[in-house]
Amino acid sequence: MLSKTINKINFKEMDLIVYLLLGALAGYLGGQLMGKANSILVNILVGIIGGMLGGWLFGDLFSSLPSIGSFSLGGLITAVLGSCILLWIIGFLQKK
């Protein structure tokens, strides 16, 4: 039964799952680096938005690092850096 379910999942769905997990991990790591404790949903949102921000700021800076399928070490580093920047901006705006 489980193998039939796994066989029905295509790569686009797996990519989405990987992106959500990487977003959660990047948001969590960014929160830990910035001293912010957030819920899993906030971690996912911060990680995904931070990944976009990091990709926009750093472009292909870490693209030469190894990747396995949808997972990229460079993408994770970029998302964590973007998450830290995003959390810093949010913290700065909340102080005002």
C-alpha atoms as a PDB file:
ATOM      1  CA  MET A   1       0.000   0.000   0.000  1.00  0.00           C
ATOM      2  CA  LEU A   2       2.748   2.441   0.962  1.00  0.00           C
ATOM      3  CA  SER A   3       4.771   1.644  -2.167  1.00  0.00           C
ATOM      4  CA  LYS A   4       1.721   2.390  -4.338  1.00  0.00           C
ATOM      5  CA  THR A   5       1.328   5.735  -2.582  1.00  0.00           C
ATOM      6  CA  ILE A   6       5.012   6.558  -3.030  1.00  0.00           C
ATOM      7  CA  ASN A   7       4.909   5.597  -6.713  1.00  0.00           C
ATOM      8  CA  LYS A   8       1.991   8.012  -7.289  1.00  0.00           C
ATOM      9  CA  ILE A   9       4.004  10.971  -5.980  1.00  0.00           C
ATOM     10  CA  ASN A  10       5.714  12.701  -8.879  1.00  0.00           C
ATOM     11  CA  PHE A  11       8.855  14.801  -8.758  1.00  0.00           C
ATOM     12  CA  LYS A  12       7.016  18.123  -8.590  1.00  0.00           C
ATOM     13  CA  GLU A  13       5.243  17.031  -5.419  1.00  0.00           C
ATOM     14  CA  MET A  14       8.552  15.802  -4.001  1.00  0.00           C
ATOM     15  CA  ASP A  15      10.138  19.138  -4.887  1.00  0.00           C
ATOM     16  CA  LEU A  16       7.392  20.928  -2.969  1.00  0.00           C
ATOM     17  CA  ILE A  17       7.963  18.691   0.047  1.00  0.00           C
ATOM     18  CA  VAL A  18      11.718  19.289  -0.149  1.00  0.00           C
ATOM     19  CA  TYR A  19      11.206  23.058  -0.441  1.00  0.00           C
ATOM     20  CA  LEU A  20       8.912  23.098   2.595  1.00  0.00           C
ATOM     21  CA  LEU A  21      11.339  21.013   4.642  1.00  0.00           C
ATOM     22  CA  LEU A  22      14.291  23.145   3.558  1.00  0.00           C
ATOM     23  CA  GLY A  23      12.259  26.270   4.305  1.00  0.00           C
ATOM     24  CA  ALA A  24      11.464  24.987   7.786  1.00  0.00           C
ATOM     25  CA  LEU A  25      15.107  24.056   8.375  1.00  0.00           C
ATOM     26  CA  ALA A  26      16.388  27.377   7.034  1.00  0.00           C
ATOM     27  CA  GLY A  27      13.845  29.319   9.110  1.00  0.00           C
ATOM     28  CA  TYR A  28      14.742  27.308  12.215  1.00  0.00           C
ATOM     29  CA  LEU A  29      18.492  27.773  11.701  1.00  0.00           C
ATOM     30  CA  GLY A  30      18.040  31.465  10.952  1.00  0.00           C
ATOM     31  CA  GLY A  31      15.934  31.842  14.095  1.00  0.00           C
ATOM     32  CA  GLN A  32      18.564  30.065  16.182  1.00  0.00           C
ATOM     33  CA  LEU A  33      21.358  32.228  14.756  1.00  0.00           C
ATOM     34  CA  MET A  34      19.347  35.397  15.390  1.00  0.00           C
ATOM     35  CA  GLY A  35      18.100  34.308  18.831  1.00  0.00           C
ATOM     36  CA  LYS A  36      14.433  34.070  17.794  1.00  0.00           C
ATOM     37  CA  ALA A  37      12.216  31.130  18.749  1.00  0.00           C
ATOM     38  CA  ASN A  38       9.343  30.624  16.311  1.00  0.00           C
ATOM     39  CA  SER A  39       6.658  28.047  15.566  1.00  0.00           C
ATOM     40  CA  ILE A  40       7.100  25.560  12.722  1.00  0.00           C
ATOM     41  CA  LEU A  41       4.711  27.519  10.476  1.00  0.00           C
ATOM     42  CA  VAL A  42       6.624  30.752  11.051  1.00  0.00           C
ATOM     43  CA  ASN A  43       9.890  28.870  10.422  1.00  0.00           C
ATOM     44  CA  ILE A  44       8.569  27.606   7.086  1.00  0.00           C
ATOM     45  CA  LEU A  45       7.394  31.078   6.033  1.00  0.00           C
ATOM     46  CA  VAL A  46      10.605  32.778   7.164  1.00  0.00           C
ATOM     47  CA  GLY A  47      12.682  30.090   5.467  1.00  0.00           C
ATOM     48  CA  ILE A  48      10.830  30.304   2.148  1.00  0.00           C
ATOM     49  CA  ILE A  49      10.773  34.107   2.064  1.00  0.00           C
ATOM     50  CA  GLY A  50      14.352  34.156   3.335  1.00  0.00           C
ATOM     51  CA  GLY A  51      15.338  31.749   0.565  1.00  0.00           C
ATOM     52  CA  MET A  52      13.868  34.068  -2.036  1.00  0.00           C
ATOM     53  CA  LEU A  53      15.549  37.075  -0.427  1.00  0.00           C
ATOM     54  CA  GLY A  54      18.867  35.242  -0.171  1.00  0.00           C
ATOM     55  CA  GLY A  55      18.613  34.069  -3.773  1.00  0.00           C
ATOM     56  CA  TRP A  56      17.925  37.613  -4.893  1.00  0.00           C
ATOM     57  CA  LEU A  57      20.813  39.053  -2.852  1.00  0.00           C
ATOM     58  CA  PHE A  58      23.430  36.354  -3.337  1.00  0.00           C
ATOM     59  CA  GLY A  59      22.412  34.888  -6.701  1.00  0.00           C
ATOM     60  CA  ASP A  60      24.689  32.041  -7.727  1.00  0.00           C
ATOM     61  CA  LEU A  61      27.321  32.676  -5.044  1.00  0.00           C
ATOM     62  CA  PHE A  62      26.896  29.185  -3.527  1.00  0.00           C
ATOM     63  CA  SER A  63      25.751  27.351  -6.664  1.00  0.00           C
ATOM     64  CA  SER A  64      28.999  25.376  -6.982  1.00  0.00           C
ATOM     65  CA  LEU A  65      28.325  23.498  -3.728  1.00  0.00           C
ATOM     66  CA  PRO A  66      27.068  19.902  -3.999  1.00  0.00           C
ATOM     67  CA  SER A  67      23.414  19.052  -4.543  1.00  0.00           C
ATOM     68  CA  ILE A  68      21.345  15.884  -4.466  1.00  0.00           C
ATOM     69  CA  GLY A  69      18.137  16.094  -6.492  1.00  0.00           C
ATOM     70  CA  SER A  70      16.150  19.062  -5.205  1.00  0.00           C
ATOM     71  CA  PHE A  71      18.384  19.499  -2.152  1.00  0.00           C
ATOM     72  CA  SER A  72      21.256  21.920  -2.564  1.00  0.00           C
ATOM     73  CA  LEU A  73      23.737  22.809   0.154  1.00  0.00           C
ATOM     74  CA  GLY A  74      24.239  26.191  -1.486  1.00  0.00           C
ATOM     75  CA  GLY A  75      20.479  26.740  -1.538  1.00  0.00           C
ATOM     76  CA  LEU A  76      20.262  25.923   2.159  1.00  0.00           C
ATOM     77  CA  ILE A  77      23.089  28.344   3.009  1.00  0.00           C
ATOM     78  CA  THR A  78      21.466  31.040   0.873  1.00  0.00           C
ATOM     79  CA  ALA A  79      18.076  30.450   2.545  1.00  0.00           C
ATOM     80  CA  VAL A  80      19.601  30.577   6.042  1.00  0.00           C
ATOM     81  CA  LEU A  81      21.413  33.832   5.261  1.00  0.00           C
ATOM     82  CA  GLY A  82      18.236  35.280   3.755  1.00  0.00           C
ATOM     83  CA  SER A  83      16.257  34.146   6.820  1.00  0.00           C
ATOM     84  CA  CYS A  84      18.729  35.879   9.125  1.00  0.00           C
ATOM     85  CA  ILE A  85      18.453  39.082   7.102  1.00  0.00           C
ATOM     86  CA  LEU A  86      14.654  38.843   7.086  1.00  0.00           C
ATOM     87  CA  LEU A  87      14.520  38.262  10.851  1.00  0.00           C
ATOM     88  CA  TRP A  88      16.874  41.199  11.397  1.00  0.00           C
ATOM     89  CA  ILE A  89      14.651  43.464   9.264  1.00  0.00           C
ATOM     90  CA  ILE A  90      11.533  42.315  11.136  1.00  0.00           C
ATOM     91  CA  GLY A  91      13.235  42.910  14.493  1.00  0.00           C
ATOM     92  CA  PHE A  92      14.418  46.333  13.377  1.00  0.00           C
ATOM     93  CA  LEU A  93      10.935  47.343  12.237  1.00  0.00           C
ATOM     94  CA  GLN A  94       9.341  46.073  15.462  1.00  0.00           C
ATOM     95  CA  LYS A  95      11.638  48.282  17.565  1.00  0.00           C
ATOM     96  CA  LYS A  96      10.383  51.434  15.860  1.00  0.00           C
END
